Amino acid sequence: MDNKTLFKILTHLINMKKYNFFNSNPFTHTYSIVARNPKTGEMGVGVQSHWFSVGSVVSWGEAGVGVVATQSFVNKSFGLRGLAILKRGKTPKEAIEILLSSDEGRDVRQVSILDAEGRVATHTGSKCIKKAGHIVGENFSVQANMMFSDQVWPAMAAAFETYNYLPLPEQIVKCLEAAESVGGDIRGKQSAAILIVASEAPENKWEDPIIDLRVEDHTEPLKEISRLLKVWRAYEHMNNGDLAIEKGDIGKALVEYNAAMEGFPDNLEMQYWTAISLANNNKIDEAIVLLKKVFKKDNNWRLLTERLPEVELLNIEEDQLKRILSL
């Protein structure tokens, strides 16, 4: 960054201080996307910034309602208030108008709101630090401020269209990667987040959101958020396997545990429960191959195996159990 650009930024910060923005509003300049998958109805926010814990500031969402990205000189209240306005039957455009009508800092705000019908509206204030802008498309909006170049948000929009065959979380990751490929945040990179909510409110409130992954501080936040998403997918298979075990469906559990292990092959727990599922399906030889590797790396799994029969999580013959424990 040259001295002239730095001087402009510092002057801008001094001017903003008269509004007391720094007393309550994070200085979160960033690029983000709000989007909806028209097939599943899932909605999401993806964001990356050179700012600590960007996901705790920018990303907001509620199943069956919508999602909000609030950034630049952030007004965090736009998240919950924006969702509340949508729940009153207002459109995203109306919600943004209401939020900005009483906000003296509207010229330095950037906010995007998408609802469960796929309607979307975005505001980029006239005093957001350049390069700043947004593109609103069908079922999505991309927005950015303090970018290296004005190619960031067009690259994100193009990526959203190109990767429309992917599940929404992976599609969002591609959009963030596209932003970074053309320069991204002029300051660099530090944190990233993905938030995904369902098209309809779940029966149990604690099941919302579907995905809430955050990389708070990392040298390569997008690579890390992508890795975490893959781990999340693997653990979803583990959870499905556990549910199948609860219902006594050992066959389904085996399928889910295998899928988890394939997605995260170095994880001992996934190998272990796949092996236990194999043993419960009378495939002792296959189970032993996995358990031998697991026990060799961590003997605590052998100790756990001794405890499973009494809670009916391992249902095998006594001689089979002895064979396993002797590995």
C-alpha atoms as a PDB file:
ATOM      1  CA  MET A   1       0.000   0.000   0.000  1.00  0.00           C
ATOM      2  CA  ASP A   2       1.489   3.379  -1.007  1.00  0.00           C
ATOM      3  CA  ASN A   3       1.605   6.423   1.291  1.00  0.00           C
ATOM      4  CA  LYS A   4      -1.133   8.236  -0.614  1.00  0.00           C
ATOM      5  CA  THR A   5      -3.583   5.352  -0.149  1.00  0.00           C
ATOM      6  CA  LEU A   6      -2.623   4.987   3.515  1.00  0.00           C
ATOM      7  CA  PHE A   7      -3.159   8.724   4.073  1.00  0.00           C
ATOM      8  CA  LYS A   8      -6.638   8.519   2.570  1.00  0.00           C
ATOM      9  CA  ILE A   9      -7.538   5.586   4.813  1.00  0.00           C
ATOM     10  CA  LEU A  10      -6.258   7.306   7.954  1.00  0.00           C
ATOM     11  CA  THR A  11      -8.141  10.493   7.064  1.00  0.00           C
ATOM     12  CA  HIS A  12     -11.287   8.416   6.571  1.00  0.00           C
ATOM     13  CA  LEU A  13     -10.858   6.794   9.983  1.00  0.00           C
ATOM     14  CA  ILE A  14     -10.431  10.165  11.670  1.00  0.00           C
ATOM     15  CA  ASN A  15     -13.606  11.433  10.024  1.00  0.00           C
ATOM     16  CA  MET A  16     -15.514   8.358  11.158  1.00  0.00           C
ATOM     17  CA  LYS A  17     -14.425   8.816  14.756  1.00  0.00           C
ATOM     18  CA  LYS A  18     -16.704  11.828  15.100  1.00  0.00           C
ATOM     19  CA  TYR A  19     -19.632   9.382  14.850  1.00  0.00           C
ATOM     20  CA  ASN A  20     -18.163   7.298  17.705  1.00  0.00           C
ATOM     21  CA  PHE A  21     -18.235   4.241  15.455  1.00  0.00           C
ATOM     22  CA  PHE A  22     -15.205   2.734  17.156  1.00  0.00           C
ATOM     23  CA  ASN A  23     -16.922   2.667  20.537  1.00  0.00           C
ATOM     24  CA  SER A  24     -19.383  -0.039  19.489  1.00  0.00           C
ATOM     25  CA  ASN A  25     -18.844  -1.080  15.872  1.00  0.00           C
ATOM     26  CA  PRO A  26     -16.082  -3.381  14.625  1.00  0.00           C
ATOM     27  CA  PHE A  27     -13.894  -2.169  11.768  1.00  0.00           C
ATOM     28  CA  THR A  28     -14.770  -5.183   9.597  1.00  0.00           C
ATOM     29  CA  HIS A  29     -13.894  -4.531   5.968  1.00  0.00           C
ATOM     30  CA  THR A  30     -14.334  -7.656   3.978  1.00  0.00           C
ATOM     31  CA  TYR A  31     -15.859  -9.548   1.090  1.00  0.00           C
ATOM     32  CA  SER A  32     -18.900 -11.782   1.513  1.00  0.00           C
ATOM     33  CA  ILE A  33     -21.734 -13.582  -0.200  1.00  0.00           C
ATOM     34  CA  VAL A  34     -25.340 -14.215   0.795  1.00  0.00           C
ATOM     35  CA  ALA A  35     -26.953 -16.963  -1.251  1.00  0.00           C
ATOM     36  CA  ARG A  36     -29.798 -19.452  -1.558  1.00  0.00           C
ATOM     37  CA  ASN A  37     -29.918 -22.854  -3.214  1.00  0.00           C
ATOM     38  CA  PRO A  38     -33.213 -22.895  -5.163  1.00  0.00           C
ATOM     39  CA  LYS A  39     -33.393 -26.710  -5.057  1.00  0.00           C
ATOM     40  CA  THR A  40     -32.968 -27.205  -1.319  1.00  0.00           C
ATOM     41  CA  GLY A  41     -34.018 -23.753  -0.130  1.00  0.00           C
ATOM     42  CA  GLU A  42     -30.924 -23.596   2.077  1.00  0.00           C
ATOM     43  CA  MET A  43     -29.537 -20.105   2.639  1.00  0.00           C
ATOM     44  CA  GLY A  44     -26.025 -19.110   3.597  1.00  0.00           C
ATOM     45  CA  VAL A  45     -23.401 -16.482   4.255  1.00  0.00           C
ATOM     46  CA  GLY A  46     -19.732 -16.844   3.388  1.00  0.00           C
ATOM     47  CA  VAL A  47     -17.124 -14.281   4.405  1.00  0.00           C
ATOM     48  CA  GLN A  48     -13.354 -13.707   4.587  1.00  0.00           C
ATOM     49  CA  SER A  49     -11.505 -10.730   6.028  1.00  0.00           C
ATOM     50  CA  HIS A  50      -8.274  -9.430   7.451  1.00  0.00           C
ATOM     51  CA  TRP A  51     -10.030  -9.126  10.803  1.00  0.00           C
ATOM     52  CA  PHE A  52     -10.183 -11.400  13.825  1.00  0.00           C
ATOM     53  CA  SER A  53     -13.284 -13.629  14.114  1.00  0.00           C
ATOM     54  CA  VAL A  54     -15.134 -12.156  11.158  1.00  0.00           C
ATOM     55  CA  GLY A  55     -17.919 -14.745  11.428  1.00  0.00           C
ATOM     56  CA  SER A  56     -18.984 -13.484  14.848  1.00  0.00           C
ATOM     57  CA  VAL A  57     -19.593 -10.029  13.375  1.00  0.00           C
ATOM     58  CA  VAL A  58     -20.718 -10.283   9.748  1.00  0.00           C
ATOM     59  CA  SER A  59     -22.817 -13.474   9.425  1.00  0.00           C
ATOM     60  CA  TRP A  60     -26.415 -13.786  10.665  1.00  0.00           C
ATOM     61  CA  GLY A  61     -29.192 -16.179   9.736  1.00  0.00           C
ATOM     62  CA  GLU A  62     -32.347 -17.957  10.815  1.00  0.00           C
ATOM     63  CA  ALA A  63     -33.965 -21.003   9.235  1.00  0.00           C
ATOM     64  CA  GLY A  64     -37.142 -20.214   7.328  1.00  0.00           C
ATOM     65  CA  VAL A  65     -36.418 -16.492   7.522  1.00  0.00           C
ATOM     66  CA  GLY A  66     -33.214 -15.426   5.785  1.00  0.00           C
ATOM     67  CA  VAL A  67     -29.584 -14.400   6.124  1.00  0.00           C
ATOM     68  CA  VAL A  68     -27.774 -11.115   6.642  1.00  0.00           C
ATOM     69  CA  ALA A  69     -24.206  -9.957   5.999  1.00  0.00           C
ATOM     70  CA  THR A  70     -23.324  -6.671   7.722  1.00  0.00           C
ATOM     71  CA  GLN A  71     -19.841  -5.244   7.134  1.00  0.00           C
ATOM     72  CA  SER A  72     -17.590  -2.243   6.465  1.00  0.00           C
ATOM     73  CA  PHE A  73     -18.012  -0.044   9.584  1.00  0.00           C
ATOM     74  CA  VAL A  74     -20.298  -2.716  10.977  1.00  0.00           C
ATOM     75  CA  ASN A  75     -23.604  -2.060  12.651  1.00  0.00           C
ATOM     76  CA  LYS A  76     -23.993  -5.438  14.352  1.00  0.00           C
ATOM     77  CA  SER A  77     -27.613  -4.737  15.197  1.00  0.00           C
ATOM     78  CA  PHE A  78     -28.428  -5.067  11.488  1.00  0.00           C
ATOM     79  CA  GLY A  79     -28.110  -8.848  11.865  1.00  0.00           C
ATOM     80  CA  LEU A  80     -30.816  -9.586  14.413  1.00  0.00           C
ATOM     81  CA  ARG A  81     -32.899  -6.537  13.524  1.00  0.00           C
ATOM     82  CA  GLY A  82     -32.804  -7.393   9.842  1.00  0.00           C
ATOM     83  CA  LEU A  83     -34.054 -10.915  10.515  1.00  0.00           C
ATOM     84  CA  ALA A  84     -36.770  -9.584  12.821  1.00  0.00           C
ATOM     85  CA  ILE A  85     -37.979  -7.218  10.100  1.00  0.00           C
ATOM     86  CA  LEU A  86     -38.164 -10.103   7.607  1.00  0.00           C
ATOM     87  CA  LYS A  87     -40.267 -12.055  10.109  1.00  0.00           C
ATOM     88  CA  ARG A  88     -42.746  -9.156  10.082  1.00  0.00           C
ATOM     89  CA  GLY A  89     -43.338  -9.825   6.380  1.00  0.00           C
ATOM     90  CA  LYS A  90     -41.090  -7.147   4.912  1.00  0.00           C
ATOM     91  CA  THR A  91     -38.918  -7.727   1.867  1.00  0.00           C
ATOM     92  CA  PRO A  92     -35.101  -7.512   2.061  1.00  0.00           C
ATOM     93  CA  LYS A  93     -35.257  -4.138   0.278  1.00  0.00           C
ATOM     94  CA  GLU A  94     -37.754  -2.823   2.802  1.00  0.00           C
ATOM     95  CA  ALA A  95     -35.681  -4.235   5.655  1.00  0.00           C
ATOM     96  CA  ILE A  96     -32.553  -2.398   4.512  1.00  0.00           C
ATOM     97  CA  GLU A  97     -34.497   0.834   4.073  1.00  0.00           C
ATOM     98  CA  ILE A  98     -35.831   0.547   7.625  1.00  0.00           C
ATOM     99  CA  LEU A  99     -32.394  -0.242   9.057  1.00  0.00           C
ATOM    100  CA  LEU A 100     -30.716   2.678   7.305  1.00  0.00           C
ATOM    101  CA  SER A 101     -33.474   5.208   7.987  1.00  0.00           C
ATOM    102  CA  SER A 102     -32.360   5.713  11.581  1.00  0.00           C
ATOM    103  CA  ASP A 103     -28.635   5.065  11.081  1.00  0.00           C
ATOM    104  CA  GLU A 104     -26.396   8.122  10.976  1.00  0.00           C
ATOM    105  CA  GLY A 105     -23.580   5.954   9.676  1.00  0.00           C
ATOM    106  CA  ARG A 106     -25.470   4.696   6.628  1.00  0.00           C
ATOM    107  CA  ASP A 107     -22.839   6.095   4.248  1.00  0.00           C
ATOM    108  CA  VAL A 108     -20.139   3.813   5.659  1.00  0.00           C
ATOM    109  CA  ARG A 109     -22.262   0.681   5.968  1.00  0.00           C
ATOM    110  CA  GLN A 110     -22.410  -2.290   3.669  1.00  0.00           C
ATOM    111  CA  VAL A 111     -25.243  -4.733   4.269  1.00  0.00           C
ATOM    112  CA  SER A 112     -26.925  -7.493   2.291  1.00  0.00           C
ATOM    113  CA  ILE A 113     -30.139  -9.342   3.163  1.00  0.00           C
ATOM    114  CA  LEU A 114     -31.633 -12.430   1.499  1.00  0.00           C
ATOM    115  CA  ASP A 115     -34.939 -14.041   2.476  1.00  0.00           C
ATOM    116  CA  ALA A 116     -36.388 -17.544   2.260  1.00  0.00           C
ATOM    117  CA  GLU A 117     -38.029 -16.756  -1.099  1.00  0.00           C
ATOM    118  CA  GLY A 118     -34.676 -15.854  -2.645  1.00  0.00           C
ATOM    119  CA  ARG A 119     -35.336 -12.126  -2.719  1.00  0.00           C
ATOM    120  CA  VAL A 120     -32.205 -10.122  -1.993  1.00  0.00           C
ATOM    121  CA  ALA A 121     -31.145  -6.504  -1.525  1.00  0.00           C
ATOM    122  CA  THR A 122     -27.770  -4.908  -0.838  1.00  0.00           C
ATOM    123  CA  HIS A 123     -26.548  -1.467   0.192  1.00  0.00           C
ATOM    124  CA  THR A 124     -23.011  -0.142  -0.275  1.00  0.00           C
ATOM    125  CA  GLY A 125     -22.569   3.249   1.369  1.00  0.00           C
ATOM    126  CA  SER A 126     -21.068   6.094  -0.635  1.00  0.00           C
ATOM    127  CA  LYS A 127     -18.214   6.433   1.880  1.00  0.00           C
ATOM    128  CA  CYS A 128     -17.226   2.771   2.092  1.00  0.00           C
ATOM    129  CA  ILE A 129     -13.485   2.498   1.552  1.00  0.00           C
ATOM    130  CA  LYS A 130     -12.675   1.767  -2.083  1.00  0.00           C
ATOM    131  CA  LYS A 131     -12.523  -0.520  -3.856  1.00  0.00           C
ATOM    132  CA  ALA A 132     -16.099  -1.227  -2.828  1.00  0.00           C
ATOM    133  CA  GLY A 133     -19.201  -2.495  -4.561  1.00  0.00           C
ATOM    134  CA  HIS A 134     -21.721  -5.285  -4.951  1.00  0.00           C
ATOM    135  CA  ILE A 135     -23.586  -7.381  -7.505  1.00  0.00           C
ATOM    136  CA  VAL A 136     -27.105  -8.687  -6.895  1.00  0.00           C
ATOM    137  CA  GLY A 137     -28.198 -11.729  -8.899  1.00  0.00           C
ATOM    138  CA  GLU A 138     -30.853 -14.401  -8.763  1.00  0.00           C
ATOM    139  CA  ASN A 139     -30.748 -15.978  -5.293  1.00  0.00           C
ATOM    140  CA  PHE A 140     -27.489 -14.267  -4.327  1.00  0.00           C
ATOM    141  CA  SER A 141     -25.557 -11.085  -3.697  1.00  0.00           C
ATOM    142  CA  VAL A 142     -21.806 -10.559  -3.470  1.00  0.00           C
ATOM    143  CA  GLN A 143     -20.388  -7.482  -1.751  1.00  0.00           C
ATOM    144  CA  ALA A 144     -16.958  -6.172  -0.830  1.00  0.00           C
ATOM    145  CA  ASN A 145     -15.148  -3.121   0.478  1.00  0.00           C
ATOM    146  CA  MET A 146     -11.499  -2.130   0.960  1.00  0.00           C
ATOM    147  CA  MET A 147     -10.520  -4.568  -1.775  1.00  0.00           C
ATOM    148  CA  PHE A 148      -7.311  -4.794  -3.756  1.00  0.00           C
ATOM    149  CA  SER A 149      -9.244  -4.226  -6.977  1.00  0.00           C
ATOM    150  CA  ASP A 150     -12.763  -3.787  -8.335  1.00  0.00           C
ATOM    151  CA  GLN A 151     -12.589  -7.271  -9.843  1.00  0.00           C
ATOM    152  CA  VAL A 152     -13.334  -8.983  -6.533  1.00  0.00           C
ATOM    153  CA  TRP A 153     -17.122  -8.961  -6.488  1.00  0.00           C
ATOM    154  CA  PRO A 154     -17.491  -9.675 -10.247  1.00  0.00           C
ATOM    155  CA  ALA A 155     -15.217 -12.703  -9.798  1.00  0.00           C
ATOM    156  CA  MET A 156     -17.397 -13.909  -6.929  1.00  0.00           C
ATOM    157  CA  ALA A 157     -20.580 -13.488  -8.982  1.00  0.00           C
ATOM    158  CA  ALA A 158     -19.074 -15.420 -11.886  1.00  0.00           C
ATOM    159  CA  ALA A 159     -17.982 -18.230  -9.556  1.00  0.00           C
ATOM    160  CA  PHE A 160     -21.469 -18.475  -8.059  1.00  0.00           C
ATOM    161  CA  GLU A 161     -22.913 -19.093 -11.514  1.00  0.00           C
ATOM    162  CA  THR A 162     -20.113 -21.451 -12.570  1.00  0.00           C
ATOM    163  CA  TYR A 163     -20.364 -23.709  -9.514  1.00  0.00           C
ATOM    164  CA  ASN A 164     -24.167 -23.837  -9.236  1.00  0.00           C
ATOM    165  CA  TYR A 165     -24.034 -27.658  -9.390  1.00  0.00           C
ATOM    166  CA  LEU A 166     -22.306 -27.876  -5.993  1.00  0.00           C
ATOM    167  CA  PRO A 167     -24.009 -27.994  -2.589  1.00  0.00           C
ATOM    168  CA  LEU A 168     -24.436 -24.470  -1.245  1.00  0.00           C
ATOM    169  CA  PRO A 169     -21.567 -24.573   1.318  1.00  0.00           C
ATOM    170  CA  GLU A 170     -19.046 -25.769  -1.262  1.00  0.00           C
ATOM    171  CA  GLN A 171     -20.404 -23.269  -3.797  1.00  0.00           C
ATOM    172  CA  ILE A 172     -19.832 -20.473  -1.287  1.00  0.00           C
ATOM    173  CA  VAL A 173     -16.248 -21.620  -0.716  1.00  0.00           C
ATOM    174  CA  LYS A 174     -15.619 -21.398  -4.465  1.00  0.00           C
ATOM    175  CA  CYS A 175     -16.909 -17.816  -4.452  1.00  0.00           C
ATOM    176  CA  LEU A 176     -14.575 -16.848  -1.623  1.00  0.00           C
ATOM    177  CA  GLU A 177     -11.646 -18.492  -3.386  1.00  0.00           C
ATOM    178  CA  ALA A 178     -12.509 -16.538  -6.540  1.00  0.00           C
ATOM    179  CA  ALA A 179     -12.369 -13.288  -4.557  1.00  0.00           C
ATOM    180  CA  GLU A 180      -8.952 -14.157  -3.209  1.00  0.00           C
ATOM    181  CA  SER A 181      -7.681 -15.117  -6.660  1.00  0.00           C
ATOM    182  CA  VAL A 182      -8.052 -11.507  -7.859  1.00  0.00           C
ATOM    183  CA  GLY A 183      -6.527  -9.860  -4.812  1.00  0.00           C
ATOM    184  CA  GLY A 184      -9.208 -10.036  -2.110  1.00  0.00           C
ATOM    185  CA  ASP A 185      -8.906  -7.752   0.906  1.00  0.00           C
ATOM    186  CA  ILE A 186      -6.132  -5.210   0.299  1.00  0.00           C
ATOM    187  CA  ARG A 187      -4.818  -5.851   3.830  1.00  0.00           C
ATOM    188  CA  GLY A 188      -4.521  -9.598   3.386  1.00  0.00           C
ATOM    189  CA  LYS A 189      -6.376 -12.436   5.092  1.00  0.00           C
ATOM    190  CA  GLN A 190      -7.018 -13.575   8.650  1.00  0.00           C
ATOM    191  CA  SER A 191     -10.415 -15.162   9.293  1.00  0.00           C
ATOM    192  CA  ALA A 192     -13.309 -16.776   7.435  1.00  0.00           C
ATOM    193  CA  ALA A 193     -16.739 -18.233   8.145  1.00  0.00           C
ATOM    194  CA  ILE A 194     -19.630 -20.155   6.601  1.00  0.00           C
ATOM    195  CA  LEU A 195     -23.159 -20.060   8.001  1.00  0.00           C
ATOM    196  CA  ILE A 196     -25.947 -22.234   6.503  1.00  0.00           C
ATOM    197  CA  VAL A 197     -29.620 -22.283   7.558  1.00  0.00           C
ATOM    198  CA  ALA A 198     -32.555 -24.367   6.326  1.00  0.00           C
ATOM    199  CA  SER A 199     -35.454 -23.271   4.159  1.00  0.00           C
ATOM    200  CA  GLU A 200     -37.911 -23.913   6.981  1.00  0.00           C
ATOM    201  CA  ALA A 201     -37.693 -23.553  10.734  1.00  0.00           C
ATOM    202  CA  PRO A 202     -36.773 -26.877  12.354  1.00  0.00           C
ATOM    203  CA  GLU A 203     -38.948 -28.497  14.993  1.00  0.00           C
ATOM    204  CA  ASN A 204     -36.067 -28.126  17.439  1.00  0.00           C
ATOM    205  CA  LYS A 205     -34.545 -24.648  17.685  1.00  0.00           C
ATOM    206  CA  TRP A 206     -31.133 -26.061  18.533  1.00  0.00           C
ATOM    207  CA  GLU A 207     -30.937 -27.595  15.045  1.00  0.00           C
ATOM    208  CA  ASP A 208     -30.568 -24.106  13.558  1.00  0.00           C
ATOM    209  CA  PRO A 209     -28.154 -23.317  11.947  1.00  0.00           C
ATOM    210  CA  ILE A 210     -27.221 -26.372   9.908  1.00  0.00           C
ATOM    211  CA  ILE A 211     -23.593 -25.281   9.567  1.00  0.00           C
ATOM    212  CA  ASP A 212     -21.718 -22.636  11.545  1.00  0.00           C
ATOM    213  CA  LEU A 213     -17.996 -22.942  10.815  1.00  0.00           C
ATOM    214  CA  ARG A 214     -15.467 -20.274  11.730  1.00  0.00           C
ATOM    215  CA  VAL A 215     -11.751 -19.800  11.307  1.00  0.00           C
ATOM    216  CA  GLU A 216     -10.938 -17.051  13.775  1.00  0.00           C
ATOM    217  CA  ASP A 217      -7.238 -16.413  13.080  1.00  0.00           C
ATOM    218  CA  HIS A 218      -5.195 -18.222  10.447  1.00  0.00           C
ATOM    219  CA  THR A 219      -2.564 -17.556   7.805  1.00  0.00           C
ATOM    220  CA  GLU A 220      -4.714 -19.374   5.214  1.00  0.00           C
ATOM    221  CA  PRO A 221      -8.323 -18.994   6.392  1.00  0.00           C
ATOM    222  CA  LEU A 222      -9.961 -20.149   3.160  1.00  0.00           C
ATOM    223  CA  LYS A 223      -7.915 -23.343   2.984  1.00  0.00           C
ATOM    224  CA  GLU A 224      -8.765 -23.981   6.622  1.00  0.00           C
ATOM    225  CA  ILE A 225     -12.502 -23.304   6.206  1.00  0.00           C
ATOM    226  CA  SER A 226     -12.515 -25.672   3.230  1.00  0.00           C
ATOM    227  CA  ARG A 227     -10.812 -28.346   5.328  1.00  0.00           C
ATOM    228  CA  LEU A 228     -13.278 -27.836   8.169  1.00  0.00           C
ATOM    229  CA  LEU A 229     -16.189 -28.216   5.779  1.00  0.00           C
ATOM    230  CA  LYS A 230     -14.836 -31.586   4.666  1.00  0.00           C
ATOM    231  CA  VAL A 231     -14.445 -32.623   8.302  1.00  0.00           C
ATOM    232  CA  TRP A 232     -18.001 -31.444   9.000  1.00  0.00           C
ATOM    233  CA  ARG A 233     -19.288 -33.637   6.161  1.00  0.00           C
ATOM    234  CA  ALA A 234     -17.439 -36.630   7.605  1.00  0.00           C
ATOM    235  CA  TYR A 235     -18.816 -36.063  11.094  1.00  0.00           C
ATOM    236  CA  GLU A 236     -22.329 -35.763   9.703  1.00  0.00           C
ATOM    237  CA  HIS A 237     -21.925 -39.321   8.497  1.00  0.00           C
ATOM    238  CA  MET A 238     -20.693 -40.231  11.975  1.00  0.00           C
ATOM    239  CA  ASN A 239     -23.773 -38.624  13.529  1.00  0.00           C
ATOM    240  CA  ASN A 240     -26.016 -40.487  11.109  1.00  0.00           C
ATOM    241  CA  GLY A 241     -24.230 -43.680  12.040  1.00  0.00           C
ATOM    242  CA  ASP A 242     -24.816 -43.018  15.732  1.00  0.00           C
ATOM    243  CA  LEU A 243     -28.522 -42.425  15.083  1.00  0.00           C
ATOM    244  CA  ALA A 244     -28.712 -45.690  13.175  1.00  0.00           C
ATOM    245  CA  ILE A 245     -27.092 -47.483  16.110  1.00  0.00           C
ATOM    246  CA  GLU A 246     -29.711 -45.984  18.455  1.00  0.00           C
ATOM    247  CA  LYS A 247     -32.442 -47.391  16.203  1.00  0.00           C
ATOM    248  CA  GLY A 248     -30.766 -50.779  15.952  1.00  0.00           C
ATOM    249  CA  ASP A 249     -30.043 -50.395  12.222  1.00  0.00           C
ATOM    250  CA  ILE A 250     -26.525 -51.774  12.158  1.00  0.00           C
ATOM    251  CA  GLY A 251     -26.425 -52.024   8.378  1.00  0.00           C
ATOM    252  CA  LYS A 252     -27.138 -48.325   7.895  1.00  0.00           C
ATOM    253  CA  ALA A 253     -24.653 -47.472  10.620  1.00  0.00           C
ATOM    254  CA  LEU A 254     -21.983 -49.398   8.741  1.00  0.00           C
ATOM    255  CA  VAL A 255     -22.686 -47.473   5.542  1.00  0.00           C
ATOM    256  CA  GLU A 256     -22.514 -44.113   7.352  1.00  0.00           C
ATOM    257  CA  TYR A 257     -19.365 -44.924   9.310  1.00  0.00           C
ATOM    258  CA  ASN A 258     -17.658 -46.103   6.134  1.00  0.00           C
ATOM    259  CA  ALA A 259     -18.577 -42.854   4.386  1.00  0.00           C
ATOM    260  CA  ALA A 260     -17.177 -40.890   7.331  1.00  0.00           C
ATOM    261  CA  MET A 261     -13.931 -42.833   7.286  1.00  0.00           C
ATOM    262  CA  GLU A 262     -13.509 -42.284   3.554  1.00  0.00           C
ATOM    263  CA  GLY A 263     -13.986 -38.555   4.040  1.00  0.00           C
ATOM    264  CA  PHE A 264     -11.558 -38.288   6.956  1.00  0.00           C
ATOM    265  CA  PRO A 265      -9.333 -41.383   6.715  1.00  0.00           C
ATOM    266  CA  ASP A 266      -6.754 -40.358   9.348  1.00  0.00           C
ATOM    267  CA  ASN A 267      -9.297 -39.930  12.141  1.00  0.00           C
ATOM    268  CA  LEU A 268      -9.005 -42.796  14.665  1.00  0.00           C
ATOM    269  CA  GLU A 269     -12.538 -42.431  15.990  1.00  0.00           C
ATOM    270  CA  MET A 270     -14.060 -42.875  12.566  1.00  0.00           C
ATOM    271  CA  GLN A 271     -11.921 -45.963  11.954  1.00  0.00           C
ATOM    272  CA  TYR A 272     -12.876 -47.322  15.360  1.00  0.00           C
ATOM    273  CA  TRP A 273     -16.647 -47.025  15.030  1.00  0.00           C
ATOM    274  CA  THR A 274     -16.523 -48.409  11.512  1.00  0.00           C
ATOM    275  CA  ALA A 275     -14.733 -51.423  12.964  1.00  0.00           C
ATOM    276  CA  ILE A 276     -17.282 -51.809  15.767  1.00  0.00           C
ATOM    277  CA  SER A 277     -20.077 -51.692  13.198  1.00  0.00           C
ATOM    278  CA  LEU A 278     -18.302 -54.383  11.185  1.00  0.00           C
ATOM    279  CA  ALA A 279     -17.964 -56.557  14.296  1.00  0.00           C
ATOM    280  CA  ASN A 280     -21.649 -56.140  15.088  1.00  0.00           C
ATOM    281  CA  ASN A 281     -22.401 -57.342  11.558  1.00  0.00           C
ATOM    282  CA  ASN A 282     -20.395 -60.510  12.208  1.00  0.00           C
ATOM    283  CA  LYS A 283     -17.505 -59.298  10.072  1.00  0.00           C
ATOM    284  CA  ILE A 284     -14.897 -59.894  12.735  1.00  0.00           C
ATOM    285  CA  ASP A 285     -11.915 -60.342  10.417  1.00  0.00           C
ATOM    286  CA  GLU A 286     -12.571 -56.996   8.709  1.00  0.00           C
ATOM    287  CA  ALA A 287     -13.080 -55.322  12.075  1.00  0.00           C
ATOM    288  CA  ILE A 288      -9.820 -56.700  13.414  1.00  0.00           C
ATOM    289  CA  VAL A 289      -7.847 -55.207  10.522  1.00  0.00           C
ATOM    290  CA  LEU A 290      -9.038 -51.725  11.509  1.00  0.00           C
ATOM    291  CA  LEU A 291      -8.907 -52.221  15.277  1.00  0.00           C
ATOM    292  CA  LYS A 292      -5.335 -53.477  15.181  1.00  0.00           C
ATOM    293  CA  LYS A 293      -4.257 -50.197  13.567  1.00  0.00           C
ATOM    294  CA  VAL A 294      -6.294 -48.117  16.002  1.00  0.00           C
ATOM    295  CA  PHE A 295      -5.069 -49.935  19.133  1.00  0.00           C
ATOM    296  CA  LYS A 296      -1.474 -49.615  17.964  1.00  0.00           C
ATOM    297  CA  LYS A 297      -1.804 -45.834  17.763  1.00  0.00           C
ATOM    298  CA  ASP A 298      -3.792 -45.359  20.966  1.00  0.00           C
ATOM    299  CA  ASN A 299      -4.405 -48.125  23.528  1.00  0.00           C
ATOM    300  CA  ASN A 300      -7.298 -46.197  25.107  1.00  0.00           C
ATOM    301  CA  TRP A 301      -9.526 -47.484  22.305  1.00  0.00           C
ATOM    302  CA  ARG A 302      -8.845 -51.032  23.509  1.00  0.00           C
ATOM    303  CA  LEU A 303      -9.938 -50.007  27.012  1.00  0.00           C
ATOM    304  CA  LEU A 304     -13.111 -48.470  25.574  1.00  0.00           C
ATOM    305  CA  THR A 305     -13.867 -51.698  23.705  1.00  0.00           C
ATOM    306  CA  GLU A 306     -13.984 -53.607  27.006  1.00  0.00           C
ATOM    307  CA  ARG A 307     -16.833 -51.342  28.136  1.00  0.00           C
ATOM    308  CA  LEU A 308     -19.068 -51.562  25.064  1.00  0.00           C
ATOM    309  CA  PRO A 309     -20.706 -54.990  25.622  1.00  0.00           C
ATOM    310  CA  GLU A 310     -22.315 -53.974  28.927  1.00  0.00           C
ATOM    311  CA  VAL A 311     -24.128 -51.077  27.215  1.00  0.00           C
ATOM    312  CA  GLU A 312     -25.006 -53.266  24.191  1.00  0.00           C
ATOM    313  CA  LEU A 313     -22.925 -51.285  21.715  1.00  0.00           C
ATOM    314  CA  LEU A 314     -20.796 -54.325  20.938  1.00  0.00           C
ATOM    315  CA  ASN A 315     -22.809 -57.533  20.538  1.00  0.00           C
ATOM    316  CA  ILE A 316     -20.406 -60.357  19.800  1.00  0.00           C
ATOM    317  CA  GLU A 317     -19.469 -63.730  21.273  1.00  0.00           C
ATOM    318  CA  GLU A 318     -17.132 -63.874  24.269  1.00  0.00           C
ATOM    319  CA  ASP A 319     -14.394 -65.597  22.288  1.00  0.00           C
ATOM    320  CA  GLN A 320     -14.660 -62.925  19.580  1.00  0.00           C
ATOM    321  CA  LEU A 321     -14.294 -60.191  22.183  1.00  0.00           C
ATOM    322  CA  LYS A 322     -11.229 -61.902  23.632  1.00  0.00           C
ATOM    323  CA  ARG A 323      -9.735 -62.126  20.160  1.00  0.00           C
ATOM    324  CA  ILE A 324     -10.226 -58.403  19.636  1.00  0.00           C
ATOM    325  CA  LEU A 325      -8.849 -57.416  23.030  1.00  0.00           C
ATOM    326  CA  SER A 326      -5.755 -59.579  22.490  1.00  0.00           C
ATOM    327  CA  LEU A 327      -4.671 -57.547  19.467  1.00  0.00           C
END
